[in-house]
N, C-alpha and C. Protein backbone atom coordinates (compact mmCIF):
# COMPACT_ATOMS: atom_id res chain seq x y z
N MET A 1 -5.17 -28.52 14.71
CA MET A 1 -4.63 -27.91 13.51
C MET A 1 -3.23 -27.39 13.84
N GLU A 2 -2.31 -27.63 12.97
CA GLU A 2 -0.93 -27.24 13.21
C GLU A 2 -0.59 -25.93 12.49
N ILE A 3 0.49 -25.32 12.91
CA ILE A 3 0.91 -24.02 12.38
C ILE A 3 1.26 -24.07 10.89
N GLU A 4 1.64 -25.24 10.38
CA GLU A 4 1.99 -25.37 8.97
C GLU A 4 0.81 -25.01 8.06
N VAL A 5 -0.39 -25.15 8.56
CA VAL A 5 -1.61 -24.82 7.79
C VAL A 5 -1.60 -23.35 7.37
N LEU A 6 -0.97 -22.50 8.16
CA LEU A 6 -1.00 -21.06 7.91
C LEU A 6 -0.27 -20.66 6.63
N THR A 7 0.64 -21.49 6.15
CA THR A 7 1.37 -21.11 4.94
C THR A 7 0.49 -21.12 3.70
N SER A 8 -0.54 -21.97 3.70
CA SER A 8 -1.36 -22.09 2.50
C SER A 8 -2.84 -21.72 2.71
N ALA A 9 -3.29 -21.65 3.95
CA ALA A 9 -4.71 -21.40 4.22
C ALA A 9 -5.07 -19.93 4.01
N LYS A 10 -6.35 -19.68 3.72
CA LYS A 10 -6.85 -18.30 3.72
C LYS A 10 -6.92 -17.89 5.19
N LYS A 11 -6.46 -16.67 5.48
CA LYS A 11 -6.33 -16.29 6.88
C LYS A 11 -6.47 -14.79 7.08
N THR A 12 -6.68 -14.42 8.34
CA THR A 12 -6.60 -13.03 8.76
C THR A 12 -5.36 -12.92 9.64
N ILE A 13 -4.65 -11.81 9.54
CA ILE A 13 -3.45 -11.62 10.35
C ILE A 13 -3.61 -10.35 11.16
N GLY A 14 -3.37 -10.47 12.46
CA GLY A 14 -3.46 -9.33 13.37
C GLY A 14 -4.71 -9.39 14.22
N ALA A 15 -4.65 -8.72 15.35
CA ALA A 15 -5.73 -8.77 16.31
C ALA A 15 -7.03 -8.16 15.79
N LYS A 16 -6.94 -6.99 15.15
CA LYS A 16 -8.16 -6.32 14.68
C LYS A 16 -8.85 -7.09 13.57
N GLN A 17 -8.09 -7.51 12.56
CA GLN A 17 -8.69 -8.26 11.45
C GLN A 17 -9.27 -9.58 11.93
N THR A 18 -8.57 -10.25 12.82
CA THR A 18 -9.03 -11.54 13.31
C THR A 18 -10.29 -11.37 14.15
N SER A 19 -10.33 -10.34 14.99
CA SER A 19 -11.53 -10.08 15.80
C SER A 19 -12.76 -9.83 14.92
N LYS A 20 -12.58 -9.02 13.89
CA LYS A 20 -13.70 -8.72 12.99
C LYS A 20 -14.19 -9.98 12.28
N ALA A 21 -13.26 -10.82 11.84
CA ALA A 21 -13.64 -12.05 11.15
C ALA A 21 -14.35 -13.02 12.10
N ILE A 22 -13.93 -13.06 13.35
CA ILE A 22 -14.61 -13.93 14.34
C ILE A 22 -16.04 -13.46 14.52
N MET A 23 -16.24 -12.14 14.65
CA MET A 23 -17.59 -11.59 14.84
C MET A 23 -18.49 -11.89 13.64
N ARG A 24 -17.90 -11.95 12.45
CA ARG A 24 -18.68 -12.27 11.25
C ARG A 24 -18.90 -13.77 11.07
N GLY A 25 -18.29 -14.58 11.92
CA GLY A 25 -18.45 -16.03 11.83
C GLY A 25 -17.66 -16.66 10.70
N GLU A 26 -16.56 -16.03 10.29
CA GLU A 26 -15.77 -16.50 9.15
C GLU A 26 -14.57 -17.35 9.54
N VAL A 27 -14.31 -17.51 10.84
CA VAL A 27 -13.08 -18.16 11.30
C VAL A 27 -13.37 -19.56 11.82
N GLN A 28 -12.55 -20.53 11.41
CA GLN A 28 -12.71 -21.89 11.93
C GLN A 28 -11.75 -22.20 13.06
N MET A 29 -10.62 -21.45 13.15
CA MET A 29 -9.65 -21.64 14.23
C MET A 29 -8.81 -20.38 14.35
N VAL A 30 -8.35 -20.12 15.58
CA VAL A 30 -7.52 -18.95 15.83
C VAL A 30 -6.22 -19.38 16.51
N PHE A 31 -5.11 -18.85 16.00
CA PHE A 31 -3.81 -19.01 16.64
C PHE A 31 -3.51 -17.70 17.36
N VAL A 32 -3.28 -17.78 18.69
CA VAL A 32 -2.96 -16.61 19.49
C VAL A 32 -1.56 -16.81 20.06
N ALA A 33 -0.71 -15.81 19.93
CA ALA A 33 0.67 -15.92 20.41
C ALA A 33 0.71 -16.02 21.93
N ASN A 34 1.56 -16.91 22.42
CA ASN A 34 1.67 -17.11 23.87
C ASN A 34 2.46 -16.01 24.57
N ASN A 35 3.12 -15.15 23.81
CA ASN A 35 3.90 -14.06 24.42
C ASN A 35 3.34 -12.69 24.05
N SER A 36 2.09 -12.63 23.63
CA SER A 36 1.49 -11.34 23.28
C SER A 36 0.86 -10.69 24.51
N ASP A 37 0.62 -9.41 24.41
CA ASP A 37 0.08 -8.62 25.50
C ASP A 37 -1.37 -9.02 25.78
N ASP A 38 -1.70 -9.21 27.05
CA ASP A 38 -3.05 -9.64 27.43
C ASP A 38 -4.13 -8.68 26.95
N ARG A 39 -3.85 -7.38 26.99
CA ARG A 39 -4.89 -6.42 26.58
C ARG A 39 -5.23 -6.55 25.10
N VAL A 40 -4.32 -7.13 24.33
CA VAL A 40 -4.57 -7.34 22.91
C VAL A 40 -5.34 -8.64 22.67
N VAL A 41 -4.97 -9.70 23.37
CA VAL A 41 -5.55 -11.01 23.06
C VAL A 41 -6.75 -11.41 23.91
N LEU A 42 -6.95 -10.81 25.07
CA LEU A 42 -8.11 -11.20 25.87
C LEU A 42 -9.44 -10.98 25.15
N PRO A 43 -9.63 -9.84 24.45
CA PRO A 43 -10.89 -9.69 23.70
C PRO A 43 -11.06 -10.78 22.63
N ILE A 44 -9.98 -11.20 22.00
CA ILE A 44 -10.05 -12.26 20.99
C ILE A 44 -10.44 -13.58 21.65
N LEU A 45 -9.84 -13.87 22.78
CA LEU A 45 -10.16 -15.12 23.48
C LEU A 45 -11.62 -15.15 23.93
N GLU A 46 -12.13 -14.00 24.37
CA GLU A 46 -13.54 -13.91 24.77
C GLU A 46 -14.47 -14.14 23.57
N LEU A 47 -14.13 -13.52 22.44
CA LEU A 47 -14.93 -13.72 21.22
C LEU A 47 -14.92 -15.18 20.79
N CYS A 48 -13.76 -15.81 20.86
CA CYS A 48 -13.65 -17.22 20.48
C CYS A 48 -14.51 -18.10 21.37
N GLU A 49 -14.52 -17.78 22.66
CA GLU A 49 -15.34 -18.56 23.59
C GLU A 49 -16.83 -18.40 23.27
N LYS A 50 -17.25 -17.17 22.99
CA LYS A 50 -18.66 -16.92 22.65
C LYS A 50 -19.06 -17.60 21.35
N GLN A 51 -18.16 -17.60 20.36
CA GLN A 51 -18.47 -18.16 19.05
C GLN A 51 -18.09 -19.64 18.93
N ALA A 52 -17.55 -20.22 20.00
CA ALA A 52 -17.11 -21.63 20.02
C ALA A 52 -16.05 -21.91 18.95
N VAL A 53 -15.09 -21.00 18.84
CA VAL A 53 -13.98 -21.14 17.90
C VAL A 53 -12.78 -21.69 18.66
N PRO A 54 -12.18 -22.80 18.20
CA PRO A 54 -11.01 -23.34 18.90
C PRO A 54 -9.81 -22.40 18.82
N VAL A 55 -9.01 -22.39 19.90
CA VAL A 55 -7.85 -21.50 19.99
C VAL A 55 -6.60 -22.33 20.26
N ASN A 56 -5.52 -21.98 19.56
CA ASN A 56 -4.21 -22.61 19.77
C ASN A 56 -3.27 -21.53 20.29
N GLN A 57 -2.69 -21.76 21.49
CA GLN A 57 -1.81 -20.77 22.09
C GLN A 57 -0.40 -21.30 22.32
N GLU A 58 0.07 -22.23 21.50
CA GLU A 58 1.37 -22.82 21.77
C GLU A 58 2.53 -22.20 21.00
N TYR A 59 2.30 -21.15 20.23
CA TYR A 59 3.36 -20.55 19.41
C TYR A 59 3.59 -19.09 19.81
N SER A 60 4.81 -18.60 19.53
CA SER A 60 5.17 -17.22 19.85
C SER A 60 4.75 -16.28 18.72
N MET A 61 4.86 -14.99 18.98
CA MET A 61 4.53 -13.99 17.97
C MET A 61 5.46 -14.12 16.76
N GLU A 62 6.72 -14.41 17.02
CA GLU A 62 7.70 -14.58 15.94
C GLU A 62 7.32 -15.76 15.05
N GLU A 63 6.96 -16.89 15.69
CA GLU A 63 6.59 -18.09 14.93
C GLU A 63 5.33 -17.86 14.10
N LEU A 64 4.35 -17.16 14.67
CA LEU A 64 3.12 -16.88 13.93
C LEU A 64 3.40 -15.95 12.74
N GLY A 65 4.25 -14.97 12.93
CA GLY A 65 4.61 -14.07 11.84
C GLY A 65 5.26 -14.82 10.69
N LYS A 66 6.20 -15.71 11.01
CA LYS A 66 6.87 -16.50 9.96
C LYS A 66 5.89 -17.43 9.26
N ALA A 67 5.04 -18.09 10.04
CA ALA A 67 4.07 -19.03 9.45
C ALA A 67 3.07 -18.30 8.56
N GLY A 68 2.74 -17.05 8.93
CA GLY A 68 1.81 -16.26 8.14
C GLY A 68 2.47 -15.57 6.96
N LYS A 69 3.76 -15.80 6.79
CA LYS A 69 4.55 -15.22 5.69
C LYS A 69 4.55 -13.70 5.72
N ILE A 70 4.70 -13.14 6.93
CA ILE A 70 4.85 -11.69 7.04
C ILE A 70 6.21 -11.41 7.69
N LYS A 71 6.69 -10.19 7.54
CA LYS A 71 8.03 -9.84 8.01
C LYS A 71 8.05 -9.35 9.45
N VAL A 72 6.88 -9.24 10.07
CA VAL A 72 6.79 -8.77 11.44
C VAL A 72 6.12 -9.82 12.30
N LYS A 73 6.07 -9.57 13.60
CA LYS A 73 5.42 -10.50 14.52
C LYS A 73 3.90 -10.38 14.41
N ALA A 74 3.19 -11.44 14.83
CA ALA A 74 1.73 -11.42 14.80
C ALA A 74 1.17 -11.91 16.14
N ALA A 75 0.25 -11.15 16.71
CA ALA A 75 -0.36 -11.55 17.98
C ALA A 75 -1.45 -12.60 17.75
N ALA A 76 -2.12 -12.54 16.61
CA ALA A 76 -3.20 -13.48 16.32
C ALA A 76 -3.34 -13.70 14.81
N ILE A 77 -3.69 -14.93 14.47
CA ILE A 77 -3.99 -15.27 13.08
C ILE A 77 -5.22 -16.17 13.09
N GLY A 78 -6.19 -15.82 12.26
CA GLY A 78 -7.40 -16.63 12.14
C GLY A 78 -7.42 -17.39 10.84
N VAL A 79 -7.73 -18.68 10.91
CA VAL A 79 -7.87 -19.51 9.71
C VAL A 79 -9.33 -19.41 9.27
N LEU A 80 -9.54 -18.93 8.05
CA LEU A 80 -10.90 -18.73 7.56
C LEU A 80 -11.54 -20.05 7.10
N ARG A 81 -12.85 -20.08 7.16
CA ARG A 81 -13.62 -21.27 6.74
C ARG A 81 -13.50 -21.47 5.25
């Protein structure tokens, strides 16, 4: 799944919202920024592994923020089912 999907897909933005959605089983894929702080994204990566959710880590926080149509950076964005 490519980053362009984020402009139109239903999504969660941010580490906390994305983590909660993963735990509820609502996420089909997660984009995690490659330049985000490990203490923020490691719990998300662990949840994704437990729930068998694919993860894409090839984009920066700036790129994820722009793709999610927000004015700030984003450490994680989840694409909802």
